[in-house]
Amino acid sequence: MFDFLKEALHAPLRVGAVAPSSPRLAEMMARRAVADRPRQILEVGAGDGAITKALLAARSPETHLLICERSETFRPALEQLLTQETNVTLFIVDVQGLSDSWSGQIDIIVSGLPFASFPAALRHDLLAQFQTLLRPGGHFIAFQYTRFQFKMFRDYFQEHSYSHTLYNLPPAYVFEGVQQEEMNHAYALDR
């Protein structure tokens, strides 16, 4: 929690929250992520590992969990969380820096990124990157504090469902979308 507060004060637009994700939100996200027994899950914006813990508990041992967090502040907490885990890869890098070798290989992307804090161009770049990483039929699962970004998410992913939980500070909305068979890069190309 201390690392989370430190990073929130240091870079509030990158963190986008006043507290880590609640156990209820983390369990909701993890339950959706493992529902179809995916081979590869990529978590972006892992922060201090609140959702990571739930993913680790919910996944099958065969599921490879890739964790991407750009802030060095969270590295020690994430490394400590992963010391006894197998079939996990930690990247301390911006998600846009992930190798092209992951293109089309990811079954599920779980996002804790604060899209509302990002400029529009970055939001579009990230969503286009997620389309590239996901296999056809893969799922994008993201939480936000309003539904405002869901319209943009629907431009990239076919909406599957959304829900919300009041047991988070602030209350959170969860969007789940499916990678379209024919990827729509119109927004990325039009800019």
Protein backbone atom coordinates (compact mmCIF):
# COMPACT_ATOMS: atom_id res chain seq x y z
CA MET A 1 0.00 0.00 0.00
CA PHE A 2 2.89 2.37 0.78
CA ASP A 3 4.38 1.88 -2.72
CA PHE A 4 0.97 2.52 -4.25
CA LEU A 5 0.52 5.81 -2.36
CA LYS A 6 4.08 6.87 -3.18
CA GLU A 7 3.55 6.26 -6.89
CA ALA A 8 0.09 7.90 -6.82
CA LEU A 9 1.64 11.06 -5.38
CA HIS A 10 4.65 10.95 -7.71
CA ALA A 11 2.74 10.19 -10.94
CA PRO A 12 -1.03 10.54 -10.39
CA LEU A 13 -1.93 10.37 -14.08
CA ARG A 14 -0.12 7.05 -14.49
CA VAL A 15 -1.73 5.49 -11.42
CA GLY A 16 -5.18 7.03 -11.75
CA ALA A 17 -6.52 5.91 -8.34
CA VAL A 18 -6.33 6.74 -4.68
CA ALA A 19 -6.11 3.12 -3.48
CA PRO A 20 -5.16 -0.31 -4.88
CA SER A 21 -7.88 -2.44 -6.43
CA SER A 22 -10.12 -4.11 -3.86
CA PRO A 23 -10.16 -7.90 -3.41
CA ARG A 24 -13.74 -7.92 -4.78
CA LEU A 25 -12.70 -6.15 -8.00
CA ALA A 26 -9.59 -8.31 -8.33
CA GLU A 27 -11.60 -11.53 -7.93
CA MET A 28 -14.20 -10.31 -10.46
CA MET A 29 -11.47 -9.61 -13.04
CA ALA A 30 -9.62 -12.88 -12.38
CA ARG A 31 -12.78 -15.00 -12.55
CA ARG A 32 -13.54 -13.57 -15.99
CA ALA A 33 -9.95 -13.95 -17.16
CA VAL A 34 -9.70 -17.68 -16.40
CA ALA A 35 -13.24 -18.70 -17.38
CA ASP A 36 -12.17 -20.37 -20.65
CA ARG A 37 -8.88 -21.82 -19.31
CA PRO A 38 -6.59 -19.60 -21.41
CA ARG A 39 -3.01 -20.55 -22.29
CA GLN A 40 -1.63 -16.99 -22.02
CA ILE A 41 -2.88 -14.10 -19.88
CA LEU A 42 -1.24 -10.68 -20.07
CA GLU A 43 -1.87 -8.28 -17.20
CA VAL A 44 -0.99 -4.66 -18.01
CA GLY A 45 -0.76 -1.99 -15.33
CA ALA A 46 -0.18 -4.49 -12.53
CA GLY A 47 0.69 -1.83 -9.96
CA ASP A 48 1.38 -3.37 -6.57
CA GLY A 49 -0.16 -6.71 -7.58
CA ALA A 50 -3.72 -6.54 -6.24
CA ILE A 51 -5.20 -8.13 -9.39
CA THR A 52 -2.07 -10.22 -9.96
CA LYS A 53 -2.72 -12.06 -6.66
CA ALA A 54 -6.23 -12.95 -7.76
CA LEU A 55 -5.00 -14.10 -11.19
CA LEU A 56 -2.35 -16.30 -9.58
CA ALA A 57 -4.96 -17.90 -7.30
CA ALA A 58 -7.53 -18.44 -10.07
CA ARG A 59 -5.42 -19.63 -13.01
CA SER A 60 -4.62 -23.23 -13.79
CA PRO A 61 -0.94 -24.22 -13.45
CA GLU A 62 -0.68 -24.54 -17.26
CA THR A 63 -1.70 -20.92 -17.83
CA HIS A 64 1.28 -18.69 -18.50
CA LEU A 65 0.83 -15.32 -16.77
CA LEU A 66 2.69 -12.36 -18.24
CA ILE A 67 2.75 -9.30 -16.01
CA CYS A 68 3.60 -5.89 -17.43
CA GLU A 69 4.18 -2.86 -15.19
CA ARG A 70 6.14 0.17 -16.31
CA SER A 71 6.96 1.65 -12.89
CA GLU A 72 10.12 0.51 -11.12
CA THR A 73 8.43 1.51 -7.85
CA PHE A 74 6.28 -1.63 -7.98
CA ARG A 75 9.06 -4.06 -9.00
CA PRO A 76 9.98 -5.19 -5.43
CA ALA A 77 6.34 -5.90 -4.46
CA LEU A 78 5.71 -7.82 -7.69
CA GLU A 79 8.95 -9.79 -7.47
CA GLN A 80 8.17 -10.74 -3.88
CA LEU A 81 4.66 -11.83 -4.88
CA LEU A 82 6.10 -14.05 -7.63
CA THR A 83 8.99 -15.71 -5.75
CA GLN A 84 7.24 -19.08 -5.39
CA GLU A 85 5.33 -18.95 -8.68
CA THR A 86 6.04 -20.87 -11.87
CA ASN A 87 4.93 -20.19 -15.42
CA VAL A 88 5.05 -16.42 -14.84
CA THR A 89 7.01 -13.71 -16.67
CA LEU A 90 7.42 -10.19 -15.26
CA PHE A 91 8.16 -7.25 -17.56
CA ILE A 92 9.04 -3.88 -16.05
CA VAL A 93 8.45 -1.99 -19.26
CA ASP A 94 5.76 0.03 -21.01
CA VAL A 95 3.38 -2.42 -22.72
CA GLN A 96 4.26 -0.80 -26.04
CA GLY A 97 7.80 -2.10 -25.50
CA LEU A 98 6.75 -5.77 -25.50
CA SER A 99 8.41 -7.86 -28.16
CA ASP A 100 6.63 -8.49 -31.45
CA SER A 101 7.03 -12.20 -30.69
CA TRP A 102 3.87 -11.94 -28.56
CA SER A 103 1.73 -10.75 -31.51
CA GLY A 104 -1.38 -12.89 -31.85
CA GLN A 105 -0.29 -15.10 -28.94
CA ILE A 106 -2.29 -13.71 -26.01
CA ASP A 107 -5.66 -15.22 -25.08
CA ILE A 108 -6.65 -12.65 -22.43
CA ILE A 109 -5.49 -9.11 -21.66
CA VAL A 110 -6.39 -7.85 -18.19
CA SER A 111 -5.94 -4.10 -17.92
CA GLY A 112 -5.68 -1.88 -14.89
CA LEU A 113 -4.52 1.09 -16.97
CA PRO A 114 -6.19 4.44 -16.19
CA PHE A 115 -7.36 5.23 -19.74
CA ALA A 116 -9.19 8.37 -18.63
CA SER A 117 -5.84 9.88 -17.58
CA PHE A 118 -4.22 9.31 -20.98
CA PRO A 119 -4.35 11.57 -24.05
CA ALA A 120 -6.60 10.27 -26.84
CA ALA A 121 -3.67 9.35 -29.09
CA LEU A 122 -2.14 7.14 -26.40
CA ARG A 123 -5.49 5.46 -25.69
CA HIS A 124 -5.84 4.57 -29.38
CA ASP A 125 -2.22 3.39 -29.59
CA LEU A 126 -2.68 1.11 -26.57
CA LEU A 127 -5.92 -0.40 -27.85
CA ALA A 128 -4.36 -1.00 -31.27
CA GLN A 129 -1.40 -2.66 -29.51
CA PHE A 130 -3.81 -4.89 -27.58
CA GLN A 131 -5.49 -5.91 -30.83
CA THR A 132 -2.09 -6.89 -32.20
CA LEU A 133 -1.21 -8.95 -29.12
CA LEU A 134 -4.54 -10.80 -28.86
CA ARG A 135 -5.29 -13.88 -30.88
CA PRO A 136 -8.58 -13.83 -32.86
CA GLY A 137 -11.38 -14.44 -30.37
CA GLY A 138 -9.18 -13.36 -27.43
CA HIS A 139 -10.66 -11.21 -24.66
CA PHE A 140 -9.82 -7.73 -23.39
CA ILE A 141 -10.92 -7.14 -19.78
CA ALA A 142 -10.48 -3.69 -18.25
CA PHE A 143 -11.76 -1.81 -15.26
CA GLN A 144 -12.39 1.91 -15.19
CA TYR A 145 -14.03 4.29 -12.74
CA THR A 146 -16.62 5.48 -15.27
CA ARG A 147 -18.12 3.89 -18.39
CA PHE A 148 -16.95 6.84 -20.50
CA GLN A 149 -14.06 4.89 -22.10
CA PHE A 150 -16.30 1.94 -23.00
CA LYS A 151 -17.37 3.65 -26.24
CA MET A 152 -13.74 3.70 -27.37
CA PHE A 153 -13.23 0.11 -26.20
CA ARG A 154 -16.19 -0.93 -28.40
CA ASP A 155 -14.44 0.64 -31.42
CA TYR A 156 -11.70 -1.96 -31.00
CA PHE A 157 -13.43 -4.92 -29.38
CA GLN A 158 -16.86 -6.43 -29.74
CA GLU A 159 -18.50 -5.93 -26.35
CA HIS A 160 -19.16 -9.15 -24.51
CA SER A 161 -20.35 -7.77 -21.18
CA TYR A 162 -19.84 -5.16 -18.52
CA SER A 163 -20.49 -5.07 -14.82
CA HIS A 164 -19.61 -2.97 -11.80
CA THR A 165 -18.73 -3.24 -8.16
CA LEU A 166 -19.36 -0.76 -5.38
CA TYR A 167 -16.78 -2.61 -3.26
CA ASN A 168 -13.84 -0.62 -4.56
CA LEU A 169 -12.49 2.88 -3.92
CA PRO A 170 -13.80 4.45 -6.09
CA PRO A 171 -16.50 2.05 -7.40
CA ALA A 172 -15.37 0.39 -10.63
CA TYR A 173 -16.86 -0.75 -13.93
CA VAL A 174 -15.51 -3.81 -15.75
CA PHE A 175 -15.62 -4.04 -19.54
CA GLU A 176 -15.07 -7.34 -21.35
CA GLY A 177 -14.66 -7.32 -25.10
CA VAL A 178 -13.76 -9.93 -27.70
CA GLN A 179 -11.11 -9.57 -30.38
CA GLN A 180 -12.85 -9.40 -33.72
CA GLU A 181 -11.84 -11.91 -36.35
CA GLU A 182 -11.14 -9.02 -38.74
CA MET A 183 -9.19 -6.44 -36.72
CA ASN A 184 -10.34 -2.85 -37.10
CA HIS A 185 -7.31 -0.57 -37.18
CA ALA A 186 -9.28 2.36 -38.61
CA TYR A 187 -8.65 4.60 -35.62
CA ALA A 188 -4.94 3.88 -35.48
CA LEU A 189 -4.57 4.47 -39.22
CA ASP A 190 -6.72 7.60 -39.44
CA ARG A 191 -4.74 9.63 -36.93
